[in-house]
C-alpha atoms as a PDB file:
ATOM      1  CA  MET A   1       0.220   0.094  -0.195  1.00  0.00           C
ATOM      2  CA  ASP A   2       1.736   3.558  -0.859  1.00  0.00           C
ATOM      3  CA  ASP A   3       1.380   6.537   1.729  1.00  0.00           C
ATOM      4  CA  PRO A   4       0.427   9.176  -0.664  1.00  0.00           C
ATOM      5  CA  HIS A   5       1.241  10.546   3.239  1.00  0.00           C
ATOM      6  CA  ALA A   6       4.630   9.920   3.517  1.00  0.00           C
ATOM      7  CA  ILE A   7       7.288  12.452   1.820  1.00  0.00           C
ATOM      8  CA  LEU A   8       5.410  15.171   3.994  1.00  0.00           C
ATOM      9  CA  ARG A   9       5.642  12.787   7.455  1.00  0.00           C
ATOM     10  CA  ASP A  10       8.865  12.160   6.330  1.00  0.00           C
ATOM     11  CA  ARG A  11      10.536  16.088   6.108  1.00  0.00           C
ATOM     12  CA  VAL A  12       8.368  16.659   9.175  1.00  0.00           C
ATOM     13  CA  LEU A  13      10.020  14.021  10.973  1.00  0.00           C
ATOM     14  CA  ALA A  14      13.556  15.177   9.731  1.00  0.00           C
ATOM     15  CA  SER A  15      12.783  18.941  10.648  1.00  0.00           C
ATOM     16  CA  VAL A  16      11.868  17.895  14.330  1.00  0.00           C
ATOM     17  CA  LEU A  17      14.654  15.816  14.422  1.00  0.00           C
ATOM     18  CA  GLU A  18      17.697  16.794  12.301  1.00  0.00           C
ATOM     19  CA  GLY A  19      17.152  20.491  12.541  1.00  0.00           C
ATOM     20  CA  ARG A  20      18.205  24.004  14.070  1.00  0.00           C
ATOM     21  CA  GLY A  21      17.288  23.498  17.941  1.00  0.00           C
ATOM     22  CA  LYS A  22      18.541  23.866  21.914  1.00  0.00           C
ATOM     23  CA  SER A  23      18.945  19.770  21.975  1.00  0.00           C
ATOM     24  CA  ASP A  24      21.399  17.719  19.754  1.00  0.00           C
ATOM     25  CA  PRO A  25      20.229  16.128  17.819  1.00  0.00           C
ATOM     26  CA  ALA A  26      21.308  13.248  18.431  1.00  0.00           C
ATOM     27  CA  ILE A  27      19.521  13.086  21.634  1.00  0.00           C
ATOM     28  CA  ARG A  28      16.649  13.796  19.757  1.00  0.00           C
ATOM     29  CA  SER A  29      16.746  11.157  17.705  1.00  0.00           C
ATOM     30  CA  ALA A  30      17.343   8.568  20.445  1.00  0.00           C
ATOM     31  CA  ALA A  31      14.546   9.664  22.364  1.00  0.00           C
ATOM     32  CA  ALA A  32      12.225   9.274  18.853  1.00  0.00           C
ATOM     33  CA  ASP A  33      13.468   5.603  18.634  1.00  0.00           C
ATOM     34  CA  GLY A  34      13.266   5.128  22.007  1.00  0.00           C
ATOM     35  CA  GLY A  35      16.434   4.615  23.476  1.00  0.00           C
ATOM     36  CA  GLY A  36      19.592   5.046  24.122  1.00  0.00           C
ATOM     37  CA  VAL A  37      19.441   8.531  25.490  1.00  0.00           C
ATOM     38  CA  PRO A  38      21.257   9.724  28.715  1.00  0.00           C
ATOM     39  CA  PRO A  39      19.965   7.279  31.802  1.00  0.00           C
ATOM     40  CA  GLU A  40      18.215  10.836  33.111  1.00  0.00           C
ATOM     41  CA  LEU A  41      15.575  10.888  30.134  1.00  0.00           C
ATOM     42  CA  GLN A  42      15.209   7.309  29.941  1.00  0.00           C
ATOM     43  CA  SER A  43      12.266   7.164  32.142  1.00  0.00           C
ATOM     44  CA  LEU A  44      10.594  10.266  30.901  1.00  0.00           C
ATOM     45  CA  VAL A  45      11.305   8.925  26.741  1.00  0.00           C
ATOM     46  CA  GLU A  46      10.096   5.308  27.782  1.00  0.00           C
ATOM     47  CA  LYS A  47       7.029   6.679  29.219  1.00  0.00           C
ATOM     48  CA  ILE A  48       5.907   8.499  26.356  1.00  0.00           C
ATOM     49  CA  HIS A  49       6.722   5.835  23.979  1.00  0.00           C
ATOM     50  CA  ARG A  50       4.364   3.497  26.164  1.00  0.00           C
ATOM     51  CA  HIS A  51       1.739   5.582  28.311  1.00  0.00           C
ATOM     52  CA  ALA A  52       2.432   8.727  26.993  1.00  0.00           C
ATOM     53  CA  TYR A  53      -0.906  10.214  29.196  1.00  0.00           C
ATOM     54  CA  LYS A  54       0.333   8.904  32.343  1.00  0.00           C
ATOM     55  CA  VAL A  55       3.558  11.887  32.013  1.00  0.00           C
ATOM     56  CA  THR A  56       3.147  14.541  34.346  1.00  0.00           C
ATOM     57  CA  ASP A  57       4.816  17.938  35.472  1.00  0.00           C
ATOM     58  CA  GLU A  58       7.008  16.338  37.754  1.00  0.00           C
ATOM     59  CA  ASP A  59       7.904  14.589  35.267  1.00  0.00           C
ATOM     60  CA  ILE A  60       9.961  17.081  33.322  1.00  0.00           C
ATOM     61  CA  ALA A  61      10.785  19.064  36.663  1.00  0.00           C
ATOM     62  CA  ARG A  62      12.859  16.324  37.572  1.00  0.00           C
ATOM     63  CA  LEU A  63      14.223  17.322  34.761  1.00  0.00           C
ATOM     64  CA  GLN A  64      13.971  20.991  34.574  1.00  0.00           C
ATOM     65  CA  GLY A  65      17.588  21.636  36.043  1.00  0.00           C
ATOM     66  CA  ARG A  66      19.450  19.689  33.276  1.00  0.00           C
ATOM     67  CA  TYR A  67      17.593  21.278  30.999  1.00  0.00           C
ATOM     68  CA  SER A  68      15.753  23.933  29.862  1.00  0.00           C
ATOM     69  CA  ASP A  69      12.380  24.464  28.820  1.00  0.00           C
ATOM     70  CA  ASP A  70      13.540  24.812  25.017  1.00  0.00           C
ATOM     71  CA  GLN A  71      15.074  21.251  25.418  1.00  0.00           C
ATOM     72  CA  LEU A  72      12.654  19.169  26.887  1.00  0.00           C
ATOM     73  CA  PHE A  73      10.137  20.468  24.805  1.00  0.00           C
ATOM     74  CA  GLU A  74      12.152  19.492  21.594  1.00  0.00           C
ATOM     75  CA  ILE A  75      12.537  16.223  23.236  1.00  0.00           C
ATOM     76  CA  VAL A  76       9.416  15.395  24.333  1.00  0.00           C
ATOM     77  CA  VAL A  77       8.389  16.262  20.895  1.00  0.00           C
ATOM     78  CA  SER A  78      11.169  14.248  18.903  1.00  0.00           C
ATOM     79  CA  THR A  79       9.517  11.469  21.147  1.00  0.00           C
ATOM     80  CA  ALA A  80       6.446  11.742  20.589  1.00  0.00           C
ATOM     81  CA  LEU A  81       6.373  11.501  16.703  1.00  0.00           C
ATOM     82  CA  GLY A  82       8.933   9.050  17.059  1.00  0.00           C
ATOM     83  CA  ALA A  83       6.058   6.628  19.063  1.00  0.00           C
ATOM     84  CA  SER A  84       3.587   7.970  16.884  1.00  0.00           C
ATOM     85  CA  ARG A  85       5.730   6.897  13.706  1.00  0.00           C
ATOM     86  CA  LYS A  86       5.940   3.632  15.085  1.00  0.00           C
ATOM     87  CA  ARG A  87       2.405   3.047  15.829  1.00  0.00           C
ATOM     88  CA  LEU A  88       1.435   4.196  11.715  1.00  0.00           C
ATOM     89  CA  LEU A  89       4.030   2.214  10.415  1.00  0.00           C
ATOM     90  CA  ALA A  90       2.213  -0.892  12.339  1.00  0.00           C
ATOM     91  CA  GLY A  91      -1.177  -0.475  11.376  1.00  0.00           C
ATOM     92  CA  LEU A  92      -0.130   0.334   7.603  1.00  0.00           C
ATOM     93  CA  GLU A  93       2.061  -2.989   7.767  1.00  0.00           C
ATOM     94  CA  ALA A  94      -1.091  -4.755   9.335  1.00  0.00           C
ATOM     95  CA  LEU A  95      -3.281  -3.318   6.563  1.00  0.00           C
ATOM     96  CA  GLU A  96      -0.981  -4.658   3.745  1.00  0.00           C
ATOM     97  CA  GLU A  97      -0.956  -7.770   5.920  1.00  0.00           C
ATOM     98  CA  ALA A  98      -5.254  -7.939   6.018  1.00  0.00           C
END
């Protein structure tokens, strides 16, 4: 099945992960993948990938001494985009197999 939105979606993802920002692009990419981030970020990244609705203000506050609000925003958005992409691709694969 051809995904007519793949090019645009991939462009957005590349822009978020590799574009200019306050956080390290390597951390953004790792967060999108769900692992390989610095240890203090791993819990947040895993929570976003598995149960984003469970993220609390405390999860963010715990990291604010080490990361700026801009950095945390970029990391959270990268993680959420990566998690959504995995779910989308799994859904498209399931449709293809059906």
